[in-house]
Structure formats: structure tokens, C-alpha cells
Amino acid sequence: MKMPPFRGSPTRLAVELNPVDEAGSPTKRRGVLLRSSEELAEYRKLLEDERLGSLLKNIDGLSPKPVKKEETKKDIIEI
């Protein structure tokens, strides 16, 4: 992704991480932008922290489960 100049920093390239669903469509409107290998290292440290895993398990227990859209079958009646 090409990042425009901002507050004195020049135009830069970045990588956007955004999970996809079964159809290959992005699941989030905006993903995580990584501008350097140093940022990637910092995110890896955060994601590997075991406290984050236990926190998210607790949140899973408190949050309602996502509702999957089911295809509704429409009966066709011939007259």
C-alpha cells in the first residue's frame, strides 16, 4: 500500500494485514498497517504474550457468539 506524505514524512510503502473469509473477501474494513520490520517485531512481541491469549479467552466467554447468515430457502409455488 502506498502511504501519502504526512506531517513532513515522505511517501512510503506499507503492508496491510487483513484476514479474509472463505470467499477471499476482507473481514475487516481496515487491517493492520506495518511500515517497517521493526513494527513487525513489536507486533510479534505483543501477539506472543500469553496474557493476550488468556484475555481473549475471557472475552470469548463474555461475548455473544457471532450469528452466521443462513440461506433462506424460498418455496416456489406453481399455479
PDB file of N, CA and C in Angstrom:
ATOM      1  N   MET A   1       0.849  -1.159   0.000  1.00  0.00           N
ATOM      2  CA  MET A   1       0.000   0.000   0.000  1.00  0.00           C
ATOM      3  C   MET A   1       0.900   1.229   0.000  1.00  0.00           C
ATOM      4  N   LYS A   2       0.561   2.168  -0.844  1.00  0.00           N
ATOM      5  CA  LYS A   2       1.327   3.410  -0.907  1.00  0.00           C
ATOM      6  C   LYS A   2       0.723   4.406   0.071  1.00  0.00           C
ATOM      7  N   MET A   3       1.535   4.866   1.014  1.00  0.00           N
ATOM      8  CA  MET A   3       1.094   5.816   2.030  1.00  0.00           C
ATOM      9  C   MET A   3       1.454   7.232   1.562  1.00  0.00           C
ATOM     10  N   PRO A   4       0.523   8.166   1.619  1.00  0.00           N
ATOM     11  CA  PRO A   4       0.817   9.540   1.192  1.00  0.00           C
ATOM     12  C   PRO A   4       1.726  10.246   2.198  1.00  0.00           C
ATOM     13  N   PRO A   5       2.350  11.329   1.774  1.00  0.00           N
ATOM     14  CA  PRO A   5       3.161  12.101   2.736  1.00  0.00           C
ATOM     15  C   PRO A   5       2.272  12.635   3.850  1.00  0.00           C
ATOM     16  N   PHE A   6       2.827  12.682   5.063  1.00  0.00           N
ATOM     17  CA  PHE A   6       2.049  13.129   6.215  1.00  0.00           C
ATOM     18  C   PHE A   6       2.952  13.830   7.209  1.00  0.00           C
ATOM     19  N   ARG A   7       2.624  15.060   7.523  1.00  0.00           N
ATOM     20  CA  ARG A   7       3.343  15.865   8.527  1.00  0.00           C
ATOM     21  C   ARG A   7       4.861  15.789   8.379  1.00  0.00           C
ATOM     22  N   GLY A   8       5.316  16.023   7.205  1.00  0.00           N
ATOM     23  CA  GLY A   8       6.755  16.073   6.993  1.00  0.00           C
ATOM     24  C   GLY A   8       7.400  14.741   6.646  1.00  0.00           C
ATOM     25  N   SER A   9       6.695  13.605   6.798  1.00  0.00           N
ATOM     26  CA  SER A   9       7.291  12.334   6.388  1.00  0.00           C
ATOM     27  C   SER A   9       6.994  12.109   4.902  1.00  0.00           C
ATOM     28  N   PRO A  10       7.926  11.524   4.190  1.00  0.00           N
ATOM     29  CA  PRO A  10       7.741  11.347   2.751  1.00  0.00           C
ATOM     30  C   PRO A  10       6.752  10.219   2.433  1.00  0.00           C
ATOM     31  N   THR A  11       6.409  10.084   1.154  1.00  0.00           N
ATOM     32  CA  THR A  11       5.584   8.972   0.698  1.00  0.00           C
ATOM     33  C   THR A  11       6.303   7.675   1.042  1.00  0.00           C
ATOM     34  N   ARG A  12       5.537   6.687   1.570  1.00  0.00           N
ATOM     35  CA  ARG A  12       6.150   5.419   1.999  1.00  0.00           C
ATOM     36  C   ARG A  12       5.311   4.252   1.507  1.00  0.00           C
ATOM     37  N   LEU A  13       5.899   3.082   1.556  1.00  0.00           N
ATOM     38  CA  LEU A  13       5.180   1.847   1.280  1.00  0.00           C
ATOM     39  C   LEU A  13       4.911   1.150   2.603  1.00  0.00           C
ATOM     40  N   ALA A  14       3.768   0.464   2.688  1.00  0.00           N
ATOM     41  CA  ALA A  14       3.405  -0.265   3.897  1.00  0.00           C
ATOM     42  C   ALA A  14       2.701  -1.553   3.492  1.00  0.00           C
ATOM     43  N   VAL A  15       2.647  -2.486   4.414  1.00  0.00           N
ATOM     44  CA  VAL A  15       1.938  -3.748   4.219  1.00  0.00           C
ATOM     45  C   VAL A  15       0.694  -3.712   5.093  1.00  0.00           C
ATOM     46  N   GLU A  16      -0.458  -4.057   4.514  1.00  0.00           N
ATOM     47  CA  GLU A  16      -1.690  -4.120   5.282  1.00  0.00           C
ATOM     48  C   GLU A  16      -2.047  -5.580   5.516  1.00  0.00           C
ATOM     49  N   LEU A  17      -2.191  -5.960   6.781  1.00  0.00           N
ATOM     50  CA  LEU A  17      -2.600  -7.316   7.145  1.00  0.00           C
ATOM     51  C   LEU A  17      -4.085  -7.285   7.446  1.00  0.00           C
ATOM     52  N   ASN A  18      -4.854  -8.088   6.696  1.00  0.00           N
ATOM     53  CA  ASN A  18      -6.294  -8.099   6.865  1.00  0.00           C
ATOM     54  C   ASN A  18      -6.783  -9.518   6.593  1.00  0.00           C
ATOM     55  N   PRO A  19      -7.362 -10.193   7.607  1.00  0.00           N
ATOM     56  CA  PRO A  19      -7.837 -11.558   7.389  1.00  0.00           C
ATOM     57  C   PRO A  19      -8.956 -11.601   6.351  1.00  0.00           C
ATOM     58  N   VAL A  20      -9.069 -12.747   5.663  1.00  0.00           N
ATOM     59  CA  VAL A  20     -10.106 -12.917   4.649  1.00  0.00           C
ATOM     60  C   VAL A  20     -11.026 -14.065   5.040  1.00  0.00           C
ATOM     61  N   ASP A  21     -12.244 -14.058   4.486  1.00  0.00           N
ATOM     62  CA  ASP A  21     -13.192 -15.141   4.743  1.00  0.00           C
ATOM     63  C   ASP A  21     -13.015 -16.244   3.700  1.00  0.00           C
ATOM     64  N   GLU A  22     -13.943 -17.205   3.684  1.00  0.00           N
ATOM     65  CA  GLU A  22     -13.837 -18.347   2.774  1.00  0.00           C
ATOM     66  C   GLU A  22     -13.855 -17.924   1.311  1.00  0.00           C
ATOM     67  N   ALA A  23     -14.535 -16.823   1.013  1.00  0.00           N
ATOM     68  CA  ALA A  23     -14.637 -16.347  -0.364  1.00  0.00           C
ATOM     69  C   ALA A  23     -13.447 -15.476  -0.766  1.00  0.00           C
ATOM     70  N   GLY A  24     -12.560 -15.186   0.180  1.00  0.00           N
ATOM     71  CA  GLY A  24     -11.399 -14.346  -0.111  1.00  0.00           C
ATOM     72  C   GLY A  24     -11.648 -12.863   0.083  1.00  0.00           C
ATOM     73  N   SER A  25     -12.795 -12.501   0.638  1.00  0.00           N
ATOM     74  CA  SER A  25     -13.110 -11.094   0.894  1.00  0.00           C
ATOM     75  C   SER A  25     -12.552 -10.676   2.246  1.00  0.00           C
ATOM     76  N   PRO A  26     -12.048  -9.437   2.365  1.00  0.00           N
ATOM     77  CA  PRO A  26     -11.529  -8.972   3.655  1.00  0.00           C
ATOM     78  C   PRO A  26     -12.622  -9.000   4.722  1.00  0.00           C
ATOM     79  N   THR A  27     -12.243  -9.401   5.940  1.00  0.00           N
ATOM     80  CA  THR A  27     -13.213  -9.468   7.030  1.00  0.00           C
ATOM     81  C   THR A  27     -13.284  -8.162   7.814  1.00  0.00           C
ATOM     82  N   LYS A  28     -12.313  -7.311   7.642  1.00  0.00           N
ATOM     83  CA  LYS A  28     -12.287  -6.014   8.327  1.00  0.00           C
ATOM     84  C   LYS A  28     -12.273  -4.906   7.282  1.00  0.00           C
ATOM     85  N   ARG A  29     -12.760  -3.744   7.690  1.00  0.00           N
ATOM     86  CA  ARG A  29     -12.732  -2.609   6.768  1.00  0.00           C
ATOM     87  C   ARG A  29     -11.292  -2.161   6.542  1.00  0.00           C
ATOM     88  N   ARG A  30     -10.528  -2.113   7.613  1.00  0.00           N
ATOM     89  CA  ARG A  30      -9.122  -1.716   7.531  1.00  0.00           C
ATOM     90  C   ARG A  30      -8.301  -2.680   8.362  1.00  0.00           C
ATOM     91  N   GLY A  31      -7.199  -3.148   7.822  1.00  0.00           N
ATOM     92  CA  GLY A  31      -6.345  -4.072   8.534  1.00  0.00           C
ATOM     93  C   GLY A  31      -5.275  -3.336   9.330  1.00  0.00           C
ATOM     94  N   VAL A  32      -4.275  -4.088   9.751  1.00  0.00           N
ATOM     95  CA  VAL A  32      -3.145  -3.526  10.494  1.00  0.00           C
ATOM     96  C   VAL A  32      -2.079  -3.119   9.481  1.00  0.00           C
ATOM     97  N   LEU A  33      -1.617  -1.877   9.566  1.00  0.00           N
ATOM     98  CA  LEU A  33      -0.585  -1.390   8.656  1.00  0.00           C
ATOM     99  C   LEU A  33       0.781  -1.542   9.304  1.00  0.00           C
ATOM    100  N   LEU A  34       1.689  -2.164   8.590  1.00  0.00           N
ATOM    101  CA  LEU A  34       3.072  -2.308   9.046  1.00  0.00           C
ATOM    102  C   LEU A  34       3.963  -1.517   8.101  1.00  0.00           C
ATOM    103  N   ARG A  35       4.726  -0.599   8.666  1.00  0.00           N
ATOM    104  CA  ARG A  35       5.571   0.274   7.855  1.00  0.00           C
ATOM    105  C   ARG A  35       7.035  -0.134   7.849  1.00  0.00           C
ATOM    106  N   SER A  36       7.415  -1.048   8.749  1.00  0.00           N
ATOM    107  CA  SER A  36       8.823  -1.453   8.813  1.00  0.00           C
ATOM    108  C   SER A  36       8.952  -2.808   9.503  1.00  0.00           C
ATOM    109  N   SER A  37      10.113  -3.397   9.377  1.00  0.00           N
ATOM    110  CA  SER A  37      10.358  -4.675  10.049  1.00  0.00           C
ATOM    111  C   SER A  37      10.406  -4.494  11.565  1.00  0.00           C
ATOM    112  N   GLU A  38      10.764  -3.302  12.031  1.00  0.00           N
ATOM    113  CA  GLU A  38      10.769  -3.032  13.472  1.00  0.00           C
ATOM    114  C   GLU A  38       9.338  -3.065  14.023  1.00  0.00           C
ATOM    115  N   GLU A  39       8.381  -2.499  13.274  1.00  0.00           N
ATOM    116  CA  GLU A  39       6.987  -2.566  13.705  1.00  0.00           C
ATOM    117  C   GLU A  39       6.498  -4.006  13.750  1.00  0.00           C
ATOM    118  N   LEU A  40       6.894  -4.806  12.771  1.00  0.00           N
ATOM    119  CA  LEU A  40       6.513  -6.221  12.758  1.00  0.00           C
ATOM    120  C   LEU A  40       7.045  -6.919  14.003  1.00  0.00           C
ATOM    121  N   ALA A  41       8.285  -6.647  14.383  1.00  0.00           N
ATOM    122  CA  ALA A  41       8.869  -7.258  15.575  1.00  0.00           C
ATOM    123  C   ALA A  41       8.090  -6.852  16.833  1.00  0.00           C
ATOM    124  N   GLU A  42       7.669  -5.598  16.903  1.00  0.00           N
ATOM    125  CA  GLU A  42       6.901  -5.144  18.059  1.00  0.00           C
ATOM    126  C   GLU A  42       5.545  -5.836  18.128  1.00  0.00           C
ATOM    127  N   TYR A  43       4.870  -5.979  16.982  1.00  0.00           N
ATOM    128  CA  TYR A  43       3.584  -6.674  16.960  1.00  0.00           C
ATOM    129  C   TYR A  43       3.761  -8.149  17.323  1.00  0.00           C
ATOM    130  N   ARG A  44       4.833  -8.768  16.866  1.00  0.00           N
ATOM    131  CA  ARG A  44       5.076 -10.178  17.223  1.00  0.00           C
ATOM    132  C   ARG A  44       5.206 -10.341  18.729  1.00  0.00           C
ATOM    133  N   LYS A  45       5.928  -9.423  19.375  1.00  0.00           N
ATOM    134  CA  LYS A  45       6.056  -9.487  20.835  1.00  0.00           C
ATOM    135  C   LYS A  45       4.691  -9.404  21.498  1.00  0.00           C
ATOM    136  N   LEU A  46       3.863  -8.487  21.017  1.00  0.00           N
ATOM    137  CA  LEU A  46       2.529  -8.325  21.589  1.00  0.00           C
ATOM    138  C   LEU A  46       1.676  -9.572  21.391  1.00  0.00           C
ATOM    139  N   LEU A  47       1.709 -10.142  20.200  1.00  0.00           N
ATOM    140  CA  LEU A  47       0.872 -11.299  19.895  1.00  0.00           C
ATOM    141  C   LEU A  47       1.337 -12.569  20.596  1.00  0.00           C
ATOM    142  N   GLU A  48       2.623 -12.659  20.907  1.00  0.00           N
ATOM    143  CA  GLU A  48       3.156 -13.846  21.579  1.00  0.00           C
ATOM    144  C   GLU A  48       2.977 -13.794  23.096  1.00  0.00           C
ATOM    145  N   ASP A  49       2.569 -12.664  23.631  1.00  0.00           N
ATOM    146  CA  ASP A  49       2.368 -12.525  25.075  1.00  0.00           C
ATOM    147  C   ASP A  49       1.202 -13.417  25.497  1.00  0.00           C
ATOM    148  N   GLU A  50       1.450 -14.345  26.422  1.00  0.00           N
ATOM    149  CA  GLU A  50       0.413 -15.299  26.831  1.00  0.00           C
ATOM    150  C   GLU A  50      -0.762 -14.621  27.535  1.00  0.00           C
ATOM    151  N   ARG A  51      -0.535 -13.436  28.091  1.00  0.00           N
ATOM    152  CA  ARG A  51      -1.631 -12.718  28.750  1.00  0.00           C
ATOM    153  C   ARG A  51      -2.699 -12.301  27.733  1.00  0.00           C
ATOM    154  N   LEU A  52      -2.273 -12.018  26.508  1.00  0.00           N
ATOM    155  CA  LEU A  52      -3.231 -11.643  25.469  1.00  0.00           C
ATOM    156  C   LEU A  52      -4.161 -12.813  25.159  1.00  0.00           C
ATOM    157  N   GLY A  53      -3.616 -14.018  25.072  1.00  0.00           N
ATOM    158  CA  GLY A  53      -4.435 -15.201  24.818  1.00  0.00           C
ATOM    159  C   GLY A  53      -5.460 -15.444  25.907  1.00  0.00           C
ATOM    160  N   SER A  54      -5.044 -15.331  27.165  1.00  0.00           N
ATOM    161  CA  SER A  54      -5.991 -15.561  28.262  1.00  0.00           C
ATOM    162  C   SER A  54      -7.046 -14.446  28.323  1.00  0.00           C
ATOM    163  N   LEU A  55      -6.645 -13.223  28.018  1.00  0.00           N
ATOM    164  CA  LEU A  55      -7.605 -12.116  27.983  1.00  0.00           C
ATOM    165  C   LEU A  55      -8.666 -12.367  26.904  1.00  0.00           C
ATOM    166  N   LEU A  56      -8.241 -12.788  25.723  1.00  0.00           N
ATOM    167  CA  LEU A  56      -9.190 -13.029  24.636  1.00  0.00           C
ATOM    168  C   LEU A  56     -10.091 -14.226  24.925  1.00  0.00           C
ATOM    169  N   LYS A  57      -9.592 -15.243  25.638  1.00  0.00           N
ATOM    170  CA  LYS A  57     -10.450 -16.365  26.031  1.00  0.00           C
ATOM    171  C   LYS A  57     -11.538 -15.888  26.982  1.00  0.00           C
ATOM    172  N   ASN A  58     -11.179 -15.000  27.918  1.00  0.00           N
ATOM    173  CA  ASN A  58     -12.177 -14.436  28.827  1.00  0.00           C
ATOM    174  C   ASN A  58     -13.208 -13.608  28.068  1.00  0.00           C
ATOM    175  N   ILE A  59     -12.752 -12.840  27.098  1.00  0.00           N
ATOM    176  CA  ILE A  59     -13.671 -12.043  26.287  1.00  0.00           C
ATOM    177  C   ILE A  59     -14.587 -12.955  25.478  1.00  0.00           C
ATOM    178  N   ASP A  60     -14.056 -14.065  24.941  1.00  0.00           N
ATOM    179  CA  ASP A  60     -14.883 -15.028  24.201  1.00  0.00           C
ATOM    180  C   ASP A  60     -16.007 -15.567  25.081  1.00  0.00           C
ATOM    181  N   GLY A  61     -15.706 -15.813  26.338  1.00  0.00           N
ATOM    182  CA  GLY A  61     -16.708 -16.330  27.252  1.00  0.00           C
ATOM    183  C   GLY A  61     -17.804 -15.326  27.575  1.00  0.00           C
ATOM    184  N   LEU A  62     -17.479 -14.039  27.517  1.00  0.00           N
ATOM    185  CA  LEU A  62     -18.445 -12.998  27.840  1.00  0.00           C
ATOM    186  C   LEU A  62     -19.216 -12.497  26.624  1.00  0.00           C
ATOM    187  N   SER A  63     -18.617 -12.575  25.469  1.00  0.00           N
ATOM    188  CA  SER A  63     -19.238 -12.034  24.257  1.00  0.00           C
ATOM    189  C   SER A  63     -20.191 -13.035  23.631  1.00  0.00           C
ATOM    190  N   PRO A  64     -21.264 -12.539  23.032  1.00  0.00           N
ATOM    191  CA  PRO A  64     -22.170 -13.457  22.326  1.00  0.00           C
ATOM    192  C   PRO A  64     -21.481 -14.013  21.081  1.00  0.00           C
ATOM    193  N   LYS A  65     -21.857 -15.212  20.715  1.00  0.00           N
ATOM    194  CA  LYS A  65     -21.284 -15.848  19.530  1.00  0.00           C
ATOM    195  C   LYS A  65     -21.805 -15.153  18.281  1.00  0.00           C
ATOM    196  N   PRO A  66     -20.959 -14.992  17.252  1.00  0.00           N
ATOM    197  CA  PRO A  66     -21.441 -14.359  16.023  1.00  0.00           C
ATOM    198  C   PRO A  66     -22.484 -15.234  15.343  1.00  0.00           C
ATOM    199  N   VAL A  67     -23.502 -14.586  14.801  1.00  0.00           N
ATOM    200  CA  VAL A  67     -24.574 -15.302  14.131  1.00  0.00           C
ATOM    201  C   VAL A  67     -24.220 -15.416  12.657  1.00  0.00           C
ATOM    202  N   LYS A  68     -24.198 -16.656  12.169  1.00  0.00           N
ATOM    203  CA  LYS A  68     -23.903 -16.868  10.757  1.00  0.00           C
ATOM    204  C   LYS A  68     -25.189 -16.708   9.960  1.00  0.00           C
ATOM    205  N   LYS A  69     -25.052 -16.081   8.831  1.00  0.00           N
ATOM    206  CA  LYS A  69     -26.213 -15.912   7.957  1.00  0.00           C
ATOM    207  C   LYS A  69     -26.509 -17.241   7.279  1.00  0.00           C
ATOM    208  N   GLU A  70     -27.723 -17.675   7.407  1.00  0.00           N
ATOM    209  CA  GLU A  70     -28.144 -18.899   6.746  1.00  0.00           C
ATOM    210  C   GLU A  70     -28.950 -18.534   5.512  1.00  0.00           C
ATOM    211  N   GLU A  71     -28.778 -19.336   4.484  1.00  0.00           N
ATOM    212  CA  GLU A  71     -29.551 -19.085   3.276  1.00  0.00           C
ATOM    213  C   GLU A  71     -30.999 -19.438   3.542  1.00  0.00           C
ATOM    214  N   THR A  72     -31.853 -18.530   3.214  1.00  0.00           N
ATOM    215  CA  THR A  72     -33.273 -18.810   3.377  1.00  0.00           C
ATOM    216  C   THR A  72     -33.791 -19.399   2.075  1.00  0.00           C
ATOM    217  N   LYS A  73     -34.434 -20.540   2.208  1.00  0.00           N
ATOM    218  CA  LYS A  73     -34.990 -21.188   1.030  1.00  0.00           C
ATOM    219  C   LYS A  73     -36.381 -20.625   0.780  1.00  0.00           C
ATOM    220  N   LYS A  74     -36.607 -20.242  -0.427  1.00  0.00           N
ATOM    221  CA  LYS A  74     -37.916 -19.735  -0.801  1.00  0.00           C
ATOM    222  C   LYS A  74     -38.635 -20.826  -1.586  1.00  0.00           C
ATOM    223  N   ASP A  75     -39.786 -21.181  -1.093  1.00  0.00           N
ATOM    224  CA  ASP A  75     -40.580 -22.182  -1.786  1.00  0.00           C
ATOM    225  C   ASP A  75     -41.234 -21.542  -3.008  1.00  0.00           C
ATOM    226  N   ILE A  76     -41.162 -22.248  -4.078  1.00  0.00           N
ATOM    227  CA  ILE A  76     -41.805 -21.786  -5.309  1.00  0.00           C
ATOM    228  C   ILE A  76     -43.087 -22.568  -5.483  1.00  0.00           C
ATOM    229  N   ILE A  77     -44.169 -21.841  -5.592  1.00  0.00           N
ATOM    230  CA  ILE A  77     -45.472 -22.478  -5.779  1.00  0.00           C
ATOM    231  C   ILE A  77     -45.932 -22.209  -7.215  1.00  0.00           C
ATOM    232  N   GLU A  78     -46.142 -23.286  -7.941  1.00  0.00           N
ATOM    233  CA  GLU A  78     -46.630 -23.139  -9.302  1.00  0.00           C
ATOM    234  C   GLU A  78     -48.145 -23.224  -9.299  1.00  0.00           C
ATOM    235  N   ILE A  79     -48.769 -22.334 -10.029  1.00  0.00           N
ATOM    236  CA  ILE A  79     -50.235 -22.326 -10.107  1.00  0.00           C
ATOM    237  C   ILE A  79     -50.653 -22.681 -11.518  1.00  0.00           C
TER     238      ILE A  79
END
